[in-house]
Amino acid sequence: MRILIAAIGLMVMATTAGADYVRVEAAGSVQEVSDRLVAAVEGAGAKVFARVPHSKGAASVDLELQDAELVIFGNPKLGTPALQADIHAGLVLPLRVLVHDDGGQTVLSYESVDALFAGMDIPADAPFRAAMTGALAKLTGAAAGN
């Protein structure tokens, strides 16, 4: 049993360590950039499912954390075909963008679509992959103020 738990732990660490993150530097505070991201998502006709204020959560238990908020959003027109191709896409969808302070620079970070779907039975040329990649770039660009 211990070997199984250790093996699962190593797989999770390897998956996280091998993730391909996209970094977009932004103008403004974490709150301002998060608000712009939400406005861009809603303006594009997608749905914001949640905003997770990590730094506020830390403060609620008297711990310190750099300013950080996770925005979770999606569009069923893009996500449903991914789930139809491989139901395990439901483990990585809806999309997530972390807006955080990195030493005084506000940054938007997200996992690339290729990394999200790595190891799944989703064709590399599936049209929704390119659409998701483009949407993430457009939405984070708008939020960044670039």
Protein backbone atom coordinates (compact mmCIF):
# COMPACT_ATOMS: atom_id res chain seq x y z
CA MET A 1 0.00 0.00 0.00
CA ARG A 2 2.83 2.43 0.83
CA ILE A 3 4.43 1.73 -2.54
CA LEU A 4 1.16 2.49 -4.31
CA ILE A 5 0.74 5.78 -2.43
CA ALA A 6 4.35 6.74 -3.20
CA ALA A 7 3.89 5.89 -6.88
CA ILE A 8 0.73 8.01 -7.09
CA GLY A 9 2.54 10.87 -5.38
CA LEU A 10 5.39 10.69 -7.88
CA MET A 11 2.96 10.67 -10.81
CA VAL A 12 1.19 13.78 -9.47
CA MET A 13 4.53 15.54 -8.93
CA ALA A 14 5.73 14.59 -12.41
CA THR A 15 2.50 15.84 -13.97
CA THR A 16 2.73 19.15 -12.14
CA ALA A 17 6.45 19.55 -12.77
CA GLY A 18 6.05 18.88 -16.48
CA ALA A 19 3.20 21.35 -16.91
CA ASP A 20 3.60 23.95 -19.64
CA TYR A 21 2.55 27.29 -18.20
CA VAL A 22 1.98 30.44 -20.22
CA ARG A 23 2.93 33.70 -18.48
CA VAL A 24 1.44 37.05 -19.49
CA GLU A 25 2.64 40.19 -17.71
CA ALA A 26 -0.12 42.68 -16.97
CA ALA A 27 -0.58 46.34 -16.08
CA GLY A 28 -2.44 47.07 -12.85
CA SER A 29 -3.15 45.33 -9.58
CA VAL A 30 -4.22 41.71 -9.24
CA GLN A 31 -7.80 42.89 -8.54
CA GLU A 32 -7.84 45.18 -11.59
CA VAL A 33 -6.45 42.50 -13.88
CA SER A 34 -8.85 39.86 -12.51
CA ASP A 35 -11.75 42.25 -13.09
CA ARG A 36 -10.59 42.87 -16.68
CA LEU A 37 -10.28 39.11 -17.26
CA VAL A 38 -13.83 38.53 -15.99
CA ALA A 39 -15.12 41.35 -18.22
CA ALA A 40 -13.28 39.90 -21.24
CA VAL A 41 -14.62 36.39 -20.58
CA GLU A 42 -18.19 37.60 -20.18
CA GLY A 43 -17.81 39.93 -23.18
CA ALA A 44 -16.80 36.92 -25.28
CA GLY A 45 -19.99 35.10 -24.30
CA ALA A 46 -18.34 32.62 -21.95
CA LYS A 47 -19.31 31.98 -18.34
CA VAL A 48 -17.27 32.75 -15.23
CA PHE A 49 -17.93 29.90 -12.83
CA ALA A 50 -15.83 31.09 -9.90
CA ARG A 51 -13.27 33.52 -8.61
CA VAL A 52 -11.04 31.99 -5.95
CA PRO A 53 -9.22 34.66 -3.92
CA HIS A 54 -6.29 32.56 -2.67
CA SER A 55 -4.64 35.43 -0.79
CA LYS A 56 -7.88 36.28 1.02
CA GLY A 57 -8.22 32.63 2.01
CA ALA A 58 -4.73 32.70 3.46
CA ALA A 59 -5.48 35.91 5.35
CA SER A 60 -8.61 34.32 6.82
CA VAL A 61 -6.38 31.87 8.72
CA ASP A 62 -3.73 34.48 9.59
CA LEU A 63 -1.27 33.34 6.92
CA GLU A 64 0.47 35.48 4.34
CA LEU A 65 0.41 34.87 0.62
CA GLN A 66 1.26 37.03 -2.34
CA ASP A 67 -1.85 38.56 -3.92
CA ALA A 68 -3.42 35.82 -6.07
CA GLU A 69 -6.83 35.04 -7.53
CA LEU A 70 -7.89 32.10 -9.69
CA VAL A 71 -10.56 32.75 -12.33
CA ILE A 72 -12.43 29.65 -13.55
CA PHE A 73 -14.42 29.99 -16.76
CA GLY A 74 -15.60 28.16 -19.82
CA ASN A 75 -17.80 27.88 -22.85
CA PRO A 76 -19.80 24.67 -23.40
CA LYS A 77 -19.45 25.10 -27.18
CA LEU A 78 -15.70 24.48 -26.76
CA GLY A 79 -15.62 22.29 -23.68
CA THR A 80 -18.33 19.80 -24.58
CA PRO A 81 -16.53 18.47 -27.70
CA ALA A 82 -13.41 17.93 -25.56
CA LEU A 83 -15.47 15.96 -23.03
CA GLN A 84 -17.07 13.97 -25.85
CA ALA A 85 -13.60 13.05 -27.12
CA ASP A 86 -12.37 12.05 -23.66
CA ILE A 87 -14.46 12.41 -20.52
CA HIS A 88 -11.24 12.89 -18.54
CA ALA A 89 -11.11 16.40 -20.01
CA GLY A 90 -13.57 17.11 -17.22
CA LEU A 91 -10.62 16.93 -14.83
CA VAL A 92 -8.99 19.99 -16.45
CA LEU A 93 -12.03 21.90 -17.67
CA PRO A 94 -13.35 24.53 -17.19
CA LEU A 95 -10.32 26.65 -18.01
CA ARG A 96 -8.41 28.38 -15.24
CA VAL A 97 -6.23 31.48 -15.17
CA LEU A 98 -4.26 32.49 -12.09
CA VAL A 99 -3.76 36.23 -11.65
CA HIS A 100 -0.97 36.85 -9.18
CA ASP A 101 1.72 39.19 -7.96
CA ASP A 102 5.23 38.11 -8.89
CA GLY A 103 7.60 40.43 -7.08
CA GLY A 104 5.60 43.56 -7.88
CA GLN A 105 4.63 42.49 -11.41
CA THR A 106 1.05 41.33 -11.93
CA VAL A 107 1.02 38.16 -14.03
CA LEU A 108 -1.64 35.97 -15.61
CA SER A 109 -0.62 32.30 -15.69
CA TYR A 110 -2.37 29.36 -17.28
CA GLU A 111 -1.58 25.86 -18.44
CA SER A 112 -1.29 25.49 -22.21
CA VAL A 113 -4.07 23.57 -23.94
CA ASP A 114 -1.56 20.97 -25.15
CA ALA A 115 -0.43 20.40 -21.57
CA LEU A 116 -4.03 20.26 -20.32
CA PHE A 117 -4.93 17.48 -22.73
CA ALA A 118 -1.63 15.58 -22.61
CA GLY A 119 -2.24 11.86 -22.30
CA MET A 120 -5.91 12.12 -23.21
CA ASP A 121 -7.61 10.61 -26.22
CA ILE A 122 -8.08 14.01 -27.85
CA PRO A 123 -6.78 14.48 -31.41
CA ALA A 124 -4.02 17.07 -31.76
CA ASP A 125 -5.89 18.61 -34.68
CA ALA A 126 -9.26 18.86 -32.92
CA PRO A 127 -10.66 22.32 -33.80
CA PHE A 128 -11.60 23.08 -30.20
CA ARG A 129 -7.94 22.86 -29.15
CA ALA A 130 -6.96 25.74 -31.44
CA ALA A 131 -10.08 27.66 -30.41
CA MET A 132 -9.23 27.27 -26.70
CA THR A 133 -5.61 28.27 -27.31
CA GLY A 134 -6.71 31.37 -29.20
CA ALA A 135 -9.34 32.26 -26.61
CA LEU A 136 -6.86 32.00 -23.73
CA ALA A 137 -4.37 34.22 -25.57
CA LYS A 138 -7.03 36.79 -26.50
CA LEU A 139 -8.67 36.90 -23.07
CA THR A 140 -5.42 37.13 -21.11
CA GLY A 141 -4.11 39.74 -23.56
CA ALA A 142 -7.21 41.86 -23.00
CA ALA A 143 -6.92 41.42 -19.23
CA ALA A 144 -3.23 42.34 -19.31
CA GLY A 145 -4.01 45.68 -20.89
CA ASN A 146 -1.70 44.95 -23.82
